[in-house]
């Protein structure tokens, strides 16, 4: 599995206008970092935050050893400058909020290609995570997911979706729209990301874990983190534990021995194991091992 295209379990937000947070961002254990120019930065501070990208994007790429994304402002008077600064700084990807139609993504793709050419970046090489935060966005999710080859993931924006609909940020109301996004992303070969509940909880980790497990159950494969305390929970829920990896290895050992003996299915620990279950276990182990290897390298680089 190519580490440059490896799906992140956790993407940690870091305000791009706060040097002390930026300096420590690579020590938090996240699979990717998002330097935030949008919600975490007050409008008067946005120019200074944008200017910080030139120094901190390459510094964090070297010291953290993980992909560096930038969340841009999706407003006409801010987006152009955000795109230019992000691409010039060498960002690996962009998190684009308030995406509601495929036309927005197509236009964004064209603008990014022009800037990639201008700054000597490979055409189409900068990935995009599209943040879907409204009822219209969720209804358009299948078309959005198919709109550009540079899309890497669709992300469910729980809090803004709740503000737009009046639905509480809890699984009872958020599971259906979140799963609609997850299915649209999976159908297009993209990573589904997000939680069917609040992303703001960072004190009650048991409650936060429960929401993350619900997200995994409906098809999500990662989530954003707004606080470093959330990172270990998200990494474990979506990336797996050593115990889960050991169980998968035992399952495959039994299944492969059965296939070698000419049988297509075999009983293992109280259930029947066949090819689809084995495929799922192999995919899990490939991602688990790749994540562990990258996290180990990142820890060494951040030390």
Protein backbone atom coordinates (compact mmCIF):
# COMPACT_ATOMS: atom_id res chain seq x y z
CA UNK A 1 0.00 0.00 0.00
CA UNK A 2 1.46 3.31 -1.12
CA UNK A 3 1.94 5.53 1.96
CA UNK A 4 1.29 8.66 -0.09
CA UNK A 5 -2.24 7.47 -0.92
CA UNK A 6 -2.93 5.74 2.39
CA UNK A 7 -6.28 6.73 3.82
CA UNK A 8 -5.90 8.65 7.09
CA UNK A 9 -7.95 7.58 10.08
CA UNK A 10 -7.48 10.91 11.83
CA UNK A 11 -7.08 14.41 10.42
CA UNK A 12 -6.28 16.96 13.13
CA UNK A 13 -7.28 20.60 12.76
CA UNK A 14 -4.67 23.19 13.71
CA UNK A 15 -5.48 26.93 13.58
CA UNK A 16 -3.12 28.41 11.01
CA UNK A 17 -2.81 31.69 12.93
CA UNK A 18 -1.45 30.18 16.17
CA UNK A 19 2.27 29.51 16.01
CA UNK A 20 2.46 27.55 19.27
CA UNK A 21 -0.20 25.08 18.09
CA UNK A 22 1.44 24.76 14.69
CA UNK A 23 4.83 24.08 16.26
CA UNK A 24 3.48 21.09 18.23
CA UNK A 25 1.05 19.75 15.62
CA UNK A 26 3.37 17.00 14.43
CA UNK A 27 3.61 15.50 17.92
CA UNK A 28 -0.09 14.64 18.24
CA UNK A 29 -0.12 11.30 16.42
CA UNK A 30 -2.64 12.23 13.72
CA UNK A 31 -2.45 10.58 10.31
CA UNK A 32 -2.81 13.97 8.61
CA UNK A 33 -2.86 17.60 9.68
CA UNK A 34 -5.27 20.30 8.52
CA UNK A 35 -4.00 23.85 8.80
CA UNK A 36 -7.24 25.76 9.20
CA UNK A 37 -7.89 29.09 7.52
CA UNK A 38 -11.66 28.94 7.99
CA UNK A 39 -13.70 28.50 11.20
CA UNK A 40 -10.78 28.48 13.64
CA UNK A 41 -9.48 31.84 12.39
CA UNK A 42 -11.28 35.15 12.92
CA UNK A 43 -11.68 37.22 9.76
CA UNK A 44 -9.17 39.94 10.81
CA UNK A 45 -6.55 37.23 11.40
CA UNK A 46 -7.01 35.43 8.08
CA UNK A 47 -4.25 37.27 6.15
CA UNK A 48 -1.70 36.44 8.85
CA UNK A 49 -2.87 32.81 8.97
CA UNK A 50 -2.57 32.56 5.19
CA UNK A 51 0.95 34.01 5.35
CA UNK A 52 1.93 31.34 7.90
CA UNK A 53 1.45 28.59 5.33
CA UNK A 54 4.69 29.35 3.51
CA UNK A 55 6.75 28.52 6.59
CA UNK A 56 4.68 25.88 8.36
CA UNK A 57 3.57 23.62 5.49
CA UNK A 58 7.11 22.55 4.51
CA UNK A 59 8.25 22.53 8.14
CA UNK A 60 5.47 20.16 9.18
CA UNK A 61 5.90 17.97 6.10
CA UNK A 62 9.48 17.41 7.20
CA UNK A 63 8.98 17.16 10.96
CA UNK A 64 5.59 15.41 11.20
CA UNK A 65 5.99 12.97 8.32
CA UNK A 66 2.27 13.05 7.45
CA UNK A 67 0.24 14.73 4.69
CA UNK A 68 -0.48 18.42 5.28
CA UNK A 69 -3.88 19.72 4.19
CA UNK A 70 -5.23 23.27 4.30
CA UNK A 71 -8.87 24.09 4.95
CA UNK A 72 -9.61 27.05 2.72
CA UNK A 73 -12.46 29.55 2.92
CA UNK A 74 -15.06 28.82 0.27
CA UNK A 75 -16.04 32.46 -0.19
CA UNK A 76 -15.27 34.40 -3.40
CA UNK A 77 -13.36 37.16 -1.61
CA UNK A 78 -11.12 34.69 0.25
CA UNK A 79 -10.89 31.49 -1.80
CA UNK A 80 -8.56 32.69 -4.57
CA UNK A 81 -5.93 33.93 -2.13
CA UNK A 82 -6.27 30.79 0.01
CA UNK A 83 -5.78 28.52 -3.00
CA UNK A 84 -2.72 30.43 -4.19
CA UNK A 85 -1.07 30.45 -0.77
CA UNK A 86 -1.80 26.76 -0.13
CA UNK A 87 -0.51 25.52 -3.47
CA UNK A 88 2.52 27.82 -3.41
CA UNK A 89 3.41 26.54 0.08
CA UNK A 90 3.39 22.92 -1.12
CA UNK A 91 0.26 21.62 0.64
CA UNK A 92 -0.50 17.97 -0.10
CA UNK A 93 -4.24 18.55 -0.16
CA UNK A 94 -7.11 20.91 0.48
CA UNK A 95 -10.19 20.57 2.65
CA UNK A 96 -12.91 22.53 0.88
CA UNK A 97 -15.98 23.47 2.97
CA UNK A 98 -19.54 24.17 1.84
CA UNK A 99 -19.42 22.01 -1.28
CA UNK A 100 -22.98 21.62 -2.58
CA UNK A 101 -22.72 20.75 -6.27
CA UNK A 102 -20.42 18.98 -8.74
CA UNK A 103 -20.11 22.26 -10.65
CA UNK A 104 -18.25 23.78 -7.68
CA UNK A 105 -15.73 20.95 -7.74
CA UNK A 106 -15.20 21.17 -11.50
CA UNK A 107 -14.53 24.91 -11.21
CA UNK A 108 -12.19 24.35 -8.27
CA UNK A 109 -10.31 21.70 -10.24
CA UNK A 110 -9.71 24.14 -13.11
CA UNK A 111 -8.46 26.85 -10.77
CA UNK A 112 -6.15 24.41 -9.01
CA UNK A 113 -4.70 23.13 -12.28
CA UNK A 114 -3.80 26.66 -13.33
CA UNK A 115 -2.05 27.24 -10.00
CA UNK A 116 -0.30 23.86 -10.13
CA UNK A 117 1.14 24.82 -13.51
CA UNK A 118 2.12 28.26 -12.23
CA UNK A 119 3.97 26.92 -9.20
CA UNK A 120 5.50 23.86 -10.85
CA UNK A 121 3.31 21.31 -9.09
CA UNK A 122 2.22 18.07 -10.86
CA UNK A 123 -1.11 18.58 -12.60
CA UNK A 124 -3.94 17.10 -10.55
CA UNK A 125 -1.58 15.98 -7.80
CA UNK A 126 -3.10 17.99 -4.95
CA UNK A 127 -5.93 16.01 -3.38
CA UNK A 128 -9.24 17.45 -2.22
CA UNK A 129 -11.49 16.46 0.65
CA UNK A 130 -14.97 17.86 -0.01
CA UNK A 131 -16.87 18.90 3.11
CA UNK A 132 -20.63 18.38 2.67
CA UNK A 133 -22.58 20.38 5.24
CA UNK A 134 -26.12 20.97 3.97
CA UNK A 135 -29.19 19.00 2.87
CA UNK A 136 -28.53 20.00 -0.74
CA UNK A 137 -24.96 18.73 -0.49
CA UNK A 138 -26.09 15.34 0.85
CA UNK A 139 -28.71 15.02 -1.89
CA UNK A 140 -26.00 15.79 -4.47
CA UNK A 141 -23.38 13.55 -2.85
CA UNK A 142 -23.31 10.87 -5.61
CA UNK A 143 -22.73 13.49 -8.33
CA UNK A 144 -20.18 15.39 -6.24
CA UNK A 145 -18.25 12.17 -5.56
CA UNK A 146 -17.91 11.53 -9.32
CA UNK A 147 -17.02 15.12 -10.28
CA UNK A 148 -13.20 15.14 -10.19
CA UNK A 149 -10.35 12.60 -10.09
CA UNK A 150 -8.53 14.74 -7.53
CA UNK A 151 -11.18 14.04 -4.89
CA UNK A 152 -9.84 11.81 -2.12
CA UNK A 153 -12.72 11.84 0.34
CA UNK A 154 -16.14 13.15 1.23
CA UNK A 155 -16.50 14.50 4.77
CA UNK A 156 -19.80 14.89 6.60
CA UNK A 157 -20.14 18.29 8.31
CA UNK A 158 -22.25 17.37 11.32
CA UNK A 159 -22.50 20.72 13.09
CA UNK A 160 -23.34 22.80 10.03
CA UNK A 161 -25.78 20.17 8.81
CA UNK A 162 -27.50 20.35 12.19
CA UNK A 163 -27.60 24.14 12.03
CA UNK A 164 -29.17 24.00 8.57
CA UNK A 165 -31.81 21.43 9.48
CA UNK A 166 -32.42 21.90 13.20
CA UNK A 167 -31.46 18.26 13.79
CA UNK A 168 -29.51 17.59 16.99
CA UNK A 169 -25.89 16.48 16.57
CA UNK A 170 -26.59 12.93 17.70
CA UNK A 171 -26.72 9.56 15.89
CA UNK A 172 -30.52 9.37 16.09
CA UNK A 173 -30.84 12.15 13.51
CA UNK A 174 -27.44 12.21 11.86
CA UNK A 175 -26.93 8.54 10.99
CA UNK A 176 -29.06 8.59 7.82
CA UNK A 177 -27.49 11.61 6.07
CA UNK A 178 -24.04 10.46 7.19
CA UNK A 179 -24.61 7.02 5.68
CA UNK A 180 -25.94 8.55 2.46
CA UNK A 181 -22.58 10.34 2.15
CA UNK A 182 -20.68 7.16 3.06
CA UNK A 183 -22.41 5.17 0.33
CA UNK A 184 -21.86 7.88 -2.29
CA UNK A 185 -18.16 8.08 -1.42
CA UNK A 186 -17.68 4.31 -1.43
CA UNK A 187 -19.45 3.97 -4.79
CA UNK A 188 -16.98 6.45 -6.29
CA UNK A 189 -13.93 4.85 -4.70
CA UNK A 190 -13.44 7.70 -2.23
CA UNK A 191 -12.91 7.60 1.51
CA UNK A 192 -16.06 8.31 3.55
CA UNK A 193 -15.24 10.43 6.60
CA UNK A 194 -17.12 11.98 9.48
CA UNK A 195 -19.18 11.28 12.57
CA UNK A 196 -22.98 10.97 12.93
CA UNK A 197 -22.76 13.12 16.05
CA UNK A 198 -20.92 16.05 17.53
CA UNK A 199 -17.24 16.51 16.70
CA UNK A 200 -16.84 18.93 19.63
CA UNK A 201 -16.66 16.38 22.48
CA UNK A 202 -13.16 16.02 23.95
CA UNK A 203 -13.78 15.43 27.67
CA UNK A 204 -16.08 12.38 27.72
CA UNK A 205 -14.03 9.96 25.66
CA UNK A 206 -16.43 7.09 26.27
CA UNK A 207 -19.26 9.03 24.63
CA UNK A 208 -16.96 10.17 21.84
CA UNK A 209 -15.83 6.58 21.19
CA UNK A 210 -19.47 5.46 20.98
CA UNK A 211 -20.15 8.00 18.22
CA UNK A 212 -16.98 6.95 16.39
CA UNK A 213 -18.02 3.28 16.57
CA UNK A 214 -21.41 4.21 15.16
CA UNK A 215 -19.65 6.02 12.33
CA UNK A 216 -17.60 2.93 11.54
CA UNK A 217 -20.75 0.77 11.64
CA UNK A 218 -22.46 2.90 8.95
CA UNK A 219 -19.46 2.89 6.62
CA UNK A 220 -17.17 5.75 7.63
CA UNK A 221 -13.43 5.08 7.46
CA UNK A 222 -12.01 8.11 9.28
CA UNK A 223 -12.84 11.41 10.93
CA UNK A 224 -11.54 14.89 11.64
CA UNK A 225 -10.33 15.79 15.13
CA UNK A 226 -10.66 19.26 16.61
CA UNK A 227 -8.65 18.40 19.74
CA UNK A 228 -5.54 16.24 20.23
CA UNK A 229 -7.34 14.12 22.86
CA UNK A 230 -9.60 12.78 20.11
CA UNK A 231 -6.76 11.46 17.95
CA UNK A 232 -6.01 8.17 19.78
CA UNK A 233 -9.70 7.24 19.84
CA UNK A 234 -10.17 7.86 16.12
CA UNK A 235 -6.93 6.07 15.23
CA UNK A 236 -7.99 2.99 17.19
CA UNK A 237 -11.62 2.87 16.07
CA UNK A 238 -10.91 3.31 12.37
CA UNK A 239 -7.41 1.84 12.18
CA UNK A 240 -7.88 -1.18 14.42
CA UNK A 241 -6.07 -2.60 17.42
CA UNK A 242 -3.26 -5.11 17.68
CA UNK A 243 -5.81 -7.63 19.00
CA UNK A 244 -7.98 -7.14 15.92
CA UNK A 245 -4.92 -7.59 13.71
CA UNK A 246 -3.97 -10.81 15.48
CA UNK A 247 -7.52 -12.11 15.05
CA UNK A 248 -7.44 -11.29 11.34
CA UNK A 249 -4.11 -13.06 10.89
CA UNK A 250 -5.45 -16.21 12.60
CA UNK A 251 -8.58 -16.10 10.48
CA UNK A 252 -6.57 -15.88 7.27
CA UNK A 253 -4.21 -18.62 8.33
CA UNK A 254 -7.16 -20.98 8.85
CA UNK A 255 -8.91 -19.88 5.65
CA UNK A 256 -5.79 -20.15 3.46
CA UNK A 257 -5.12 -23.65 4.81
CA UNK A 258 -8.71 -24.58 3.97
CA UNK A 259 -8.39 -23.27 0.42
CA UNK A 260 -5.10 -25.13 -0.03
CA UNK A 261 -6.92 -28.30 1.00
CA UNK A 262 -9.58 -27.71 -1.64
CA UNK A 263 -12.32 -26.29 0.55
CA UNK A 264 -13.89 -22.87 -0.03
CA UNK A 265 -15.24 -22.28 3.47
CA UNK A 266 -14.21 -23.32 6.97
CA UNK A 267 -15.50 -23.00 10.52
CA UNK A 268 -13.42 -20.66 12.67
CA UNK A 269 -14.16 -19.57 16.23
CA UNK A 270 -17.84 -20.30 15.97
CA UNK A 271 -18.64 -18.96 12.50
CA UNK A 272 -18.19 -19.91 8.87
CA UNK A 273 -15.42 -18.13 6.99
CA UNK A 274 -15.62 -17.76 3.21
CA UNK A 275 -13.96 -15.62 0.52
CA UNK A 276 -15.77 -12.29 1.17
CA UNK A 277 -14.86 -12.44 4.87
CA UNK A 278 -11.26 -13.27 3.98
CA UNK A 279 -11.10 -10.35 1.52
CA UNK A 280 -12.32 -8.00 4.25
CA UNK A 281 -9.66 -9.33 6.64
CA UNK A 282 -6.90 -8.88 4.03
CA UNK A 283 -7.96 -5.28 3.34
CA UNK A 284 -8.03 -4.54 7.06
CA UNK A 285 -4.54 -5.99 7.59
CA UNK A 286 -3.05 -4.18 4.59
CA UNK A 287 -4.29 -0.84 5.90
CA UNK A 288 -3.44 -1.66 9.54
CA UNK A 289 0.14 -2.64 8.73
CA UNK A 290 0.65 0.36 6.44
CA UNK A 291 -0.73 2.74 9.07
CA UNK A 292 1.45 1.26 11.78
CA UNK A 293 4.54 1.61 9.59
CA UNK A 294 3.77 5.23 8.71
CA UNK A 295 2.94 6.15 12.30
CA UNK A 296 6.21 4.62 13.44
CA UNK A 297 8.13 6.69 10.89
CA UNK A 298 6.19 9.81 11.88
CA UNK A 299 6.99 9.29 15.57
CA UNK A 300 10.69 9.04 14.77
CA UNK A 301 10.61 12.18 12.64
CA UNK A 302 8.68 14.12 15.29
CA UNK A 303 10.98 13.02 18.12
